Every structure is written in structure tokens, then in C-alpha cells.
Amino acid sequence: MPCHNRAALLGRGLEAYAQQAAGVDFEIVAVDDGSTDDTREVLRTHRSERFALRAVHVERSAGPANARNLGSRRARAPFS
């Protein structure tokens, strides 16, 4: 999940994922794409009993496509 300067909305988005995944274990890889707001802190402190959150921080924004590609490489689950 690419994130860039979305601190104000990020918590709500992560909670929405938790509501959709009742009883299913899954992982979210969130890539903070060089945000200048509190996105990094929101990702660092977010806790959920429904899913594992892996946060990756990129110092300089390289766009959503790059963030998605980086996130897919950091995922632990197999792709099919």
C-alpha cells in the first residue's frame, strides 16, 4: 500500500482493512513514499489484532508505482 502524506487518513484506512478481514490472517506492507507529514509515525505506532503491518520508509518520493513494487518485494506471503 503506497502512502504519501496521508497521516490524517491512514488510521481510518487501516481500520477499514481490519473490518474486511474477519477471521483471515494477512499482512499489509505499507510503503511511506517520502512523506513530510506524520505518516511514518502513524505506521510505526499502529497496532491491529487482525493483520500484520510491515512499514517501509523511503526517504525520497519516487511515486506510487515504485512504492507498490517495493512493497511487493517486501511481502512475506507467496504470490500466485
Protein backbone atom coordinates (compact mmCIF):
# COMPACT_ATOMS: atom_id res chain seq x y z
CA MET A 1 0.00 0.00 0.00
CA PRO A 2 1.76 3.19 -1.11
CA CYS A 3 1.39 6.12 1.29
CA HIS A 4 2.46 9.70 0.72
CA ASN A 5 1.42 12.44 3.17
CA ARG A 6 -1.67 10.54 4.30
CA ALA A 7 -1.27 10.64 8.08
CA ALA A 8 -4.73 12.16 8.57
CA LEU A 9 -6.47 9.33 6.67
CA LEU A 10 -4.17 6.39 7.26
CA GLY A 11 -5.66 5.19 10.55
CA ARG A 12 -9.14 5.03 9.06
CA GLY A 13 -7.86 3.14 6.04
CA LEU A 14 -6.07 0.56 8.15
CA GLU A 15 -9.17 0.07 10.29
CA ALA A 16 -11.22 -0.48 7.14
CA TYR A 17 -8.84 -3.31 6.17
CA ALA A 18 -9.32 -4.84 9.61
CA GLN A 19 -13.10 -4.79 9.25
CA GLN A 20 -12.97 -6.59 5.89
CA ALA A 21 -10.78 -9.44 7.05
CA ALA A 22 -12.67 -11.09 9.89
CA GLY A 23 -11.08 -14.46 10.67
CA VAL A 24 -8.41 -14.23 7.96
CA ASP A 25 -4.72 -13.76 8.71
CA PHE A 26 -3.00 -11.41 6.30
CA GLU A 27 -0.22 -8.88 6.01
CA ILE A 28 -0.22 -5.29 4.85
CA VAL A 29 3.00 -3.82 3.56
CA ALA A 30 2.72 -0.03 3.70
CA VAL A 31 5.40 1.98 1.94
CA ASP A 32 5.78 5.55 3.18
CA ASP A 33 6.93 7.18 -0.03
CA GLY A 34 8.94 10.09 1.35
CA SER A 35 6.13 11.72 3.34
CA THR A 36 6.76 15.03 5.06
CA ASP A 37 3.81 14.74 7.48
CA ASP A 38 3.29 12.19 10.30
CA THR A 39 2.67 9.20 8.01
CA ARG A 40 5.82 7.45 9.22
CA GLU A 41 4.78 7.84 12.87
CA VAL A 42 1.23 6.62 12.21
CA LEU A 43 2.63 3.48 10.57
CA ARG A 44 5.16 2.98 13.36
CA THR A 45 2.57 3.13 16.12
CA HIS A 46 -0.45 1.42 14.51
CA ARG A 47 -1.44 -1.88 16.09
CA SER A 48 -4.03 -4.37 14.90
CA GLU A 49 -5.06 -7.79 16.11
CA ARG A 50 -6.45 -8.60 12.66
CA PHE A 51 -3.37 -8.23 10.47
CA ALA A 52 0.38 -7.83 10.49
CA LEU A 53 1.58 -4.41 9.35
CA ARG A 54 5.02 -4.08 7.81
CA ALA A 55 6.05 -0.48 7.29
CA VAL A 56 8.77 0.53 4.86
CA HIS A 57 10.07 4.09 4.70
CA VAL A 58 11.61 5.68 1.61
CA GLU A 59 13.48 8.94 2.17
CA ARG A 60 12.58 10.50 -1.19
CA SER A 61 9.32 10.06 -3.05
CA ALA A 62 9.63 8.04 -6.24
CA GLY A 63 5.91 7.75 -6.96
CA PRO A 64 3.20 5.19 -6.27
CA ALA A 65 4.37 2.62 -8.83
CA ASN A 66 7.81 2.45 -7.23
CA ALA A 67 6.23 2.20 -3.76
CA ARG A 68 3.96 -0.66 -4.90
CA ASN A 69 6.90 -2.53 -6.44
CA LEU A 70 8.98 -2.08 -3.30
CA GLY A 71 6.08 -3.26 -1.15
CA SER A 72 5.55 -6.38 -3.25
CA ARG A 73 9.23 -7.28 -2.88
CA ARG A 74 8.99 -6.91 0.91
CA ALA A 75 5.87 -9.08 1.26
CA ARG A 76 6.37 -12.40 3.02
CA ALA A 77 3.32 -14.18 1.63
CA PRO A 78 3.63 -16.10 -1.64
CA PHE A 79 2.13 -14.59 -4.78
CA SER A 80 0.05 -16.69 -7.11
